[in-house]
Amino acid sequence: MTAAPDTLFFRSISFTGLAPGPRLIVVGAVHGNETCGTRAIGRVVAEIESAVLPLASGSVTFVPVANPLAHARGERAGDRNLNRNLGPVDNPADFEDRIANWLCPLLARHDVLLDLHSTRGKTQPFAMLGPRDNAGELEPFAHSAKERALAQHLGVSRFVEGWLGTYARGVERRVREGRGSALNTDSRYGVGTTEYMRSAGGYAITLECGQHEDPSSPEVAYRAIRNALAFLGLTTGEMPPSVAAYEGLRLREVVDKAHPEDRFSREWSSFDRLVKGEVIATRHDGTVIVAERDGWIVFPDAKSQPGHEWFYLAEPMARI
């Protein structure tokens, strides 16, 4: 029997070293069926509490389950996707609003966020990065060098940038064409944990640790936590190595589904390679969507609803 929302609670676990240092927060189960972070956090907490992993400086806060309602149901979301339109609200309309009113102030009290996720399809682990330093209106940022240095020491070799800017361009197109809903025609709908953390003055990485059911995903999450703690100087010991070779992608375009009968040309997976001229999909009216250049398809969603994002296109990242 699924727990009623009013019986659920929010839980965080914090440790503070004797010396000053960075304030790290590690979050799991923002999506309730993505439990690799929850399992990895439990393992690291046990090591800190038993002094197997002493905390030398700074502080770390763990949130094993960010969305207890979705987690209790074993589903991605409770009332809605917590990792969209994230921010405190005066009058909570759903359970995720109530989470936001607890989680966002907690994030803002820290310097660095590591948010642990997994994917529905089988894919190599990868890290989602924020923008380059900029003073723009959408996502101003001043910690790109720190964020990307940490990312290179987490143990993964694929990096993706360009999320919020690409999402915002998709919003502009939906508004211009009069499509979409009240939520996905608001550029803020693209704001999740990492985007909120950057807006609060910190820096953040979303780490996709592999497929939900892949037994290696919790190990990827565990190693990333241990590496982050060591890299930031919160624990002593050997510095984790920087990735020697990597694949870097930049999201450049989001394509929406327009009709229930829009169809992919085949079953695509994230990071499948695209060759210029290759057929990606066909619209219900016969219009063919082809790759305009070599690159990758990312986050394809065959179950997408009309007016919502269907897939993203990516090109090589110039540099990490």
Protein backbone atom coordinates (compact mmCIF):
# COMPACT_ATOMS: atom_id res chain seq x y z
CA MET A 1 0.00 0.00 0.00
CA THR A 2 1.46 3.39 -1.05
CA ALA A 3 2.10 5.86 1.76
CA ALA A 4 -0.21 8.86 1.92
CA PRO A 5 1.62 12.17 1.30
CA ASP A 6 0.85 13.47 4.79
CA THR A 7 2.67 10.50 6.38
CA LEU A 8 5.91 11.22 4.52
CA PHE A 9 8.84 13.34 5.69
CA PHE A 10 12.03 14.94 4.40
CA ARG A 11 15.40 13.69 5.64
CA SER A 12 18.93 15.01 5.40
CA ILE A 13 22.13 13.83 7.11
CA SER A 14 24.97 16.28 7.75
CA PHE A 15 28.58 15.96 8.83
CA THR A 16 31.00 18.81 9.62
CA GLY A 17 34.77 18.52 9.91
CA LEU A 18 36.92 20.34 12.42
CA ALA A 19 38.59 22.55 9.80
CA PRO A 20 36.82 25.01 7.48
CA GLY A 21 36.17 24.01 3.90
CA PRO A 22 33.60 23.78 1.13
CA ARG A 23 29.97 22.87 1.83
CA LEU A 24 28.90 19.97 -0.38
CA ILE A 25 25.38 18.58 -0.73
CA VAL A 26 24.72 15.20 -2.37
CA VAL A 27 21.18 14.39 -3.48
CA GLY A 28 19.54 11.13 -4.54
CA ALA A 29 16.09 10.10 -5.81
CA VAL A 30 14.96 13.45 -7.19
CA HIS A 31 13.11 11.00 -9.41
CA GLY A 32 11.69 8.27 -7.21
CA ASN A 33 12.62 5.31 -9.40
CA GLU A 34 16.26 6.41 -9.69
CA THR A 35 17.74 4.81 -6.58
CA CYS A 36 21.45 4.43 -7.42
CA GLY A 37 22.18 7.66 -5.54
CA THR A 38 20.13 6.58 -2.54
CA ARG A 39 22.08 3.33 -2.27
CA ALA A 40 25.45 5.02 -2.77
CA ILE A 41 24.65 7.69 -0.19
CA GLY A 42 23.75 5.01 2.37
CA ARG A 43 27.09 3.35 1.79
CA VAL A 44 29.11 6.57 2.19
CA VAL A 45 27.16 7.67 5.29
CA ALA A 46 27.95 4.32 6.92
CA GLU A 47 31.64 4.79 6.13
CA ILE A 48 31.73 8.27 7.65
CA GLU A 49 29.86 7.20 10.77
CA SER A 50 32.18 4.23 11.31
CA ALA A 51 35.30 6.39 10.75
CA VAL A 52 36.29 4.32 7.73
CA LEU A 53 36.04 7.63 5.84
CA PRO A 54 36.94 10.47 8.24
CA LEU A 55 35.76 13.97 7.35
CA ALA A 56 38.77 16.27 7.61
CA SER A 57 37.29 19.67 6.76
CA GLY A 58 34.25 21.46 5.44
CA SER A 59 30.83 19.87 5.57
CA VAL A 60 28.69 17.49 3.59
CA THR A 61 24.93 17.02 3.63
CA PHE A 62 23.28 13.96 2.15
CA VAL A 63 19.67 13.80 0.98
CA PRO A 64 19.11 10.10 0.23
CA VAL A 65 15.56 10.58 -1.06
CA ALA A 66 14.66 14.03 -2.35
CA ASN A 67 11.17 12.99 -3.48
CA PRO A 68 9.70 10.63 -0.87
CA LEU A 69 6.29 10.42 -2.57
CA ALA A 70 7.71 9.32 -5.92
CA HIS A 71 10.13 6.99 -4.12
CA ALA A 72 7.33 5.38 -2.11
CA ARG A 73 5.45 4.75 -5.35
CA GLY A 74 8.54 3.53 -7.20
CA GLU A 75 7.82 6.06 -9.94
CA ARG A 76 9.64 8.95 -11.57
CA ALA A 77 7.33 11.65 -10.17
CA GLY A 78 4.84 12.16 -7.36
CA ASP A 79 2.40 14.81 -8.52
CA ARG A 80 4.80 16.18 -11.14
CA ASN A 81 8.47 16.21 -12.16
CA LEU A 82 10.43 17.69 -9.24
CA ASN A 83 13.33 18.54 -11.57
CA ARG A 84 11.34 21.11 -13.53
CA ASN A 85 10.16 24.57 -12.47
CA LEU A 86 12.00 24.15 -9.16
CA GLY A 87 11.81 27.02 -6.71
CA PRO A 88 10.12 28.04 -3.44
CA VAL A 89 6.43 28.93 -3.71
CA ASP A 90 4.14 30.86 -1.37
CA ASN A 91 1.13 28.61 -1.92
CA PRO A 92 2.15 24.99 -2.62
CA ALA A 93 -0.15 23.41 -5.19
CA ASP A 94 1.30 19.89 -5.16
CA PHE A 95 3.69 17.65 -3.26
CA GLU A 96 6.68 18.74 -5.32
CA ASP A 97 6.02 22.36 -4.33
CA ARG A 98 6.25 21.26 -0.72
CA ILE A 99 9.56 19.54 -1.45
CA ALA A 100 10.86 22.70 -3.12
CA ASN A 101 10.06 24.81 -0.07
CA TRP A 102 12.26 22.47 1.99
CA LEU A 103 14.94 21.54 -0.55
CA CYS A 104 15.71 24.92 -2.15
CA PRO A 105 16.73 26.69 1.10
CA LEU A 106 18.85 23.64 1.93
CA LEU A 107 20.62 23.81 -1.43
CA ALA A 108 21.23 27.54 -0.99
CA ARG A 109 23.14 26.90 2.26
CA HIS A 110 25.78 24.94 0.36
CA ASP A 111 28.51 25.72 -2.16
CA VAL A 112 28.47 22.61 -4.35
CA LEU A 113 25.76 20.15 -5.42
CA LEU A 114 26.20 16.62 -6.74
CA ASP A 115 22.82 15.34 -7.93
CA LEU A 116 22.74 11.60 -8.70
CA HIS A 117 20.39 10.19 -11.35
CA SER A 118 19.96 7.18 -13.64
CA THR A 119 18.39 6.69 -17.04
CA ARG A 120 15.60 4.52 -18.48
CA GLY A 121 17.71 3.43 -21.46
CA LYS A 122 21.07 1.77 -21.22
CA THR A 123 23.81 4.34 -21.70
CA GLN A 124 27.31 5.23 -20.60
CA PRO A 125 27.36 7.40 -17.45
CA PHE A 126 27.63 11.12 -18.14
CA ALA A 127 27.71 14.47 -16.38
CA MET A 128 25.45 17.42 -17.22
CA LEU A 129 27.32 20.73 -16.93
CA GLY A 130 26.16 24.30 -16.57
CA PRO A 131 26.95 27.23 -18.86
CA ARG A 132 30.27 28.94 -19.39
CA ASP A 133 30.76 32.03 -17.24
CA ASN A 134 28.41 34.76 -18.41
CA ALA A 135 26.42 37.78 -17.24
CA GLY A 136 23.31 37.03 -19.29
CA GLU A 137 19.73 37.12 -18.05
CA LEU A 138 18.87 33.43 -18.46
CA GLU A 139 21.57 31.72 -16.40
CA PRO A 140 24.34 34.06 -15.23
CA PHE A 141 27.25 32.09 -13.82
CA ALA A 142 30.75 32.68 -12.43
CA HIS A 143 32.01 29.23 -11.34
CA SER A 144 32.39 27.36 -14.62
CA ALA A 145 36.07 26.53 -14.05
CA LYS A 146 35.40 25.02 -10.61
CA GLU A 147 32.37 23.10 -11.82
CA ARG A 148 34.17 21.59 -14.80
CA ALA A 149 37.27 20.75 -12.77
CA LEU A 150 35.13 18.76 -10.34
CA ALA A 151 33.30 17.04 -13.22
CA GLN A 152 36.59 15.80 -14.65
CA HIS A 153 37.40 14.02 -11.37
CA LEU A 154 34.11 12.15 -10.83
CA GLY A 155 35.09 9.06 -12.80
CA VAL A 156 33.04 9.56 -15.97
CA SER A 157 34.21 10.41 -19.48
CA ARG A 158 31.16 11.92 -21.18
CA PHE A 159 30.02 15.51 -20.57
CA VAL A 160 27.00 17.41 -21.86
CA GLU A 161 26.39 21.16 -21.74
CA GLY A 162 23.73 23.54 -23.01
CA TRP A 163 20.57 22.34 -21.25
CA LEU A 164 18.81 25.51 -20.12
CA GLY A 165 19.73 27.65 -23.13
CA THR A 166 18.48 24.99 -25.53
CA TYR A 167 15.31 24.50 -23.50
CA ALA A 168 14.68 28.26 -23.51
CA ARG A 169 15.00 28.42 -27.30
CA GLY A 170 12.43 25.62 -27.51
CA VAL A 171 10.12 27.65 -25.26
CA GLU A 172 10.50 30.69 -27.54
CA ARG A 173 9.50 28.58 -30.53
CA ARG A 174 6.45 27.10 -28.74
CA VAL A 175 5.26 30.57 -27.78
CA ARG A 176 5.84 31.88 -31.30
CA GLU A 177 3.90 28.97 -32.80
CA GLY A 178 1.15 29.02 -30.16
CA ARG A 179 1.79 25.47 -28.96
CA GLY A 180 2.48 23.82 -25.61
CA SER A 181 1.08 24.20 -22.12
CA ALA A 182 1.36 26.88 -19.44
CA LEU A 183 4.30 25.01 -17.94
CA ASN A 184 6.44 24.23 -20.96
CA THR A 185 6.04 27.71 -22.44
CA ASP A 186 7.80 29.15 -19.39
CA SER A 187 11.61 29.08 -19.63
CA ARG A 188 11.73 28.58 -15.87
CA TYR A 189 10.18 25.16 -16.40
CA GLY A 190 13.66 24.03 -17.42
CA VAL A 191 15.02 24.85 -13.94
CA GLY A 192 15.88 21.84 -11.81
CA THR A 193 18.20 21.23 -8.86
CA THR A 194 21.43 22.22 -10.57
CA GLU A 195 20.00 25.33 -12.23
CA TYR A 196 18.53 26.43 -8.90
CA MET A 197 21.87 25.82 -7.16
CA ARG A 198 23.67 28.02 -9.67
CA SER A 199 21.06 30.75 -9.25
CA ALA A 200 21.76 30.66 -5.50
CA GLY A 201 25.46 31.33 -6.03
CA GLY A 202 26.87 27.79 -6.02
CA TYR A 203 27.84 25.32 -8.70
CA ALA A 204 26.41 21.92 -9.47
CA ILE A 205 26.64 18.73 -11.50
CA THR A 206 23.93 16.28 -12.50
CA LEU A 207 25.50 12.85 -12.80
CA GLU A 208 23.59 10.25 -14.79
CA CYS A 209 25.08 7.04 -13.42
CA GLY A 210 23.72 4.52 -15.93
CA GLN A 211 20.51 2.58 -16.40
CA HIS A 212 18.06 2.29 -13.49
CA GLU A 213 18.45 -1.49 -13.15
CA ASP A 214 22.14 -1.74 -14.05
CA PRO A 215 23.98 -3.11 -10.99
CA SER A 216 26.98 -0.93 -11.85
CA SER A 217 25.01 2.34 -11.48
CA PRO A 218 25.19 2.49 -7.64
CA GLU A 219 28.92 1.85 -7.91
CA VAL A 220 29.30 4.78 -10.33
CA ALA A 221 27.37 6.97 -7.87
CA TYR A 222 29.45 5.75 -4.90
CA ARG A 223 32.73 6.40 -6.67
CA ALA A 224 31.57 9.89 -7.69
CA ILE A 225 30.70 10.80 -4.09
CA ARG A 226 34.05 9.54 -2.80
CA ASN A 227 35.89 11.39 -5.59
CA ALA A 228 33.98 14.62 -4.94
CA LEU A 229 34.77 14.48 -1.22
CA ALA A 230 38.47 13.93 -1.94
CA PHE A 231 38.73 16.48 -4.74
CA LEU A 232 37.10 19.19 -2.63
CA GLY A 233 39.42 18.39 0.28
CA LEU A 234 36.69 17.21 2.65
CA THR A 235 38.45 13.87 3.08
CA THR A 236 42.14 13.09 3.03
CA GLY A 237 43.86 10.59 0.83
CA GLU A 238 44.89 10.32 -2.78
CA MET A 239 43.46 12.89 -5.19
CA PRO A 240 41.19 11.19 -7.75
CA PRO A 241 42.65 11.28 -11.25
CA SER A 242 41.34 13.63 -13.90
CA VAL A 243 39.76 11.95 -16.92
CA ALA A 244 42.40 11.42 -19.59
CA ALA A 245 40.11 11.33 -22.64
CA TYR A 246 36.49 12.37 -22.86
CA GLU A 247 33.52 12.88 -25.17
CA GLY A 248 31.99 16.35 -24.93
CA LEU A 249 28.60 17.29 -26.36
CA ARG A 250 26.70 20.56 -26.56
CA LEU A 251 22.93 20.50 -26.90
CA ARG A 252 21.95 22.82 -29.76
CA GLU A 253 18.26 22.18 -30.53
CA VAL A 254 15.14 20.62 -29.05
CA VAL A 255 12.50 19.19 -31.38
CA ASP A 256 8.91 18.90 -30.13
CA LYS A 257 6.33 16.29 -30.96
CA ALA A 258 3.47 17.92 -32.86
CA HIS A 259 0.96 15.10 -33.32
CA PRO A 260 0.27 11.68 -31.71
CA GLU A 261 1.16 9.99 -35.01
CA ASP A 262 4.61 11.57 -35.33
CA ARG A 263 7.01 8.62 -35.44
CA PHE A 264 10.74 7.97 -35.09
CA SER A 265 12.42 6.26 -38.03
CA ARG A 266 13.75 3.66 -35.60
CA GLU A 267 14.17 3.09 -31.88
CA TRP A 268 16.73 5.70 -30.86
CA SER A 269 18.81 5.78 -27.69
CA SER A 270 20.55 8.76 -26.16
CA PHE A 271 23.94 9.44 -27.74
CA ASP A 272 23.25 7.47 -30.89
CA ARG A 273 25.36 9.02 -33.64
CA LEU A 274 23.68 10.92 -36.45
CA VAL A 275 25.10 11.39 -39.94
CA LYS A 276 24.15 14.44 -41.99
CA GLY A 277 21.07 13.62 -44.07
CA GLU A 278 20.02 10.66 -41.90
CA VAL A 279 16.27 10.34 -41.34
CA ILE A 280 15.40 10.81 -37.67
CA ALA A 281 11.60 10.86 -37.77
CA THR A 282 8.52 11.48 -39.88
CA ARG A 283 5.66 13.84 -38.98
CA HIS A 284 2.06 12.69 -39.27
CA ASP A 285 1.70 14.82 -42.44
CA GLY A 286 4.65 13.09 -44.10
CA THR A 287 7.27 15.74 -43.35
CA VAL A 288 10.62 14.03 -42.85
CA ILE A 289 13.02 15.25 -40.17
CA VAL A 290 16.65 14.68 -41.13
CA ALA A 291 19.94 15.45 -39.42
CA GLU A 292 21.23 18.74 -40.77
CA ARG A 293 24.78 17.88 -39.71
CA ASP A 294 26.74 15.10 -38.06
CA GLY A 295 26.12 14.83 -34.33
CA TRP A 296 24.09 12.96 -31.74
CA ILE A 297 20.48 12.45 -30.71
CA VAL A 298 19.92 12.92 -26.98
CA PHE A 299 16.93 12.22 -24.69
CA PRO A 300 14.65 10.74 -27.39
CA ASP A 301 11.19 10.10 -25.94
CA ALA A 302 8.86 7.97 -28.05
CA LYS A 303 6.15 8.47 -25.41
CA SER A 304 6.29 12.26 -25.57
CA GLN A 305 2.97 14.05 -25.85
CA PRO A 306 2.18 16.61 -28.59
CA GLY A 307 3.49 20.05 -27.67
CA HIS A 308 6.32 18.64 -25.56
CA GLU A 309 9.99 17.98 -26.25
CA TRP A 310 10.51 14.87 -28.38
CA PHE A 311 14.29 14.75 -28.74
CA TYR A 312 17.40 16.92 -28.56
CA LEU A 313 20.19 17.32 -31.09
CA ALA A 314 23.79 17.75 -29.98
CA GLU A 315 27.10 18.69 -31.56
CA PRO A 316 30.69 18.39 -30.30
CA MET A 317 31.64 20.52 -27.31
CA ALA A 318 34.59 22.74 -28.18
CA ARG A 319 36.34 22.08 -24.88
CA ILE A 320 35.40 21.10 -21.38
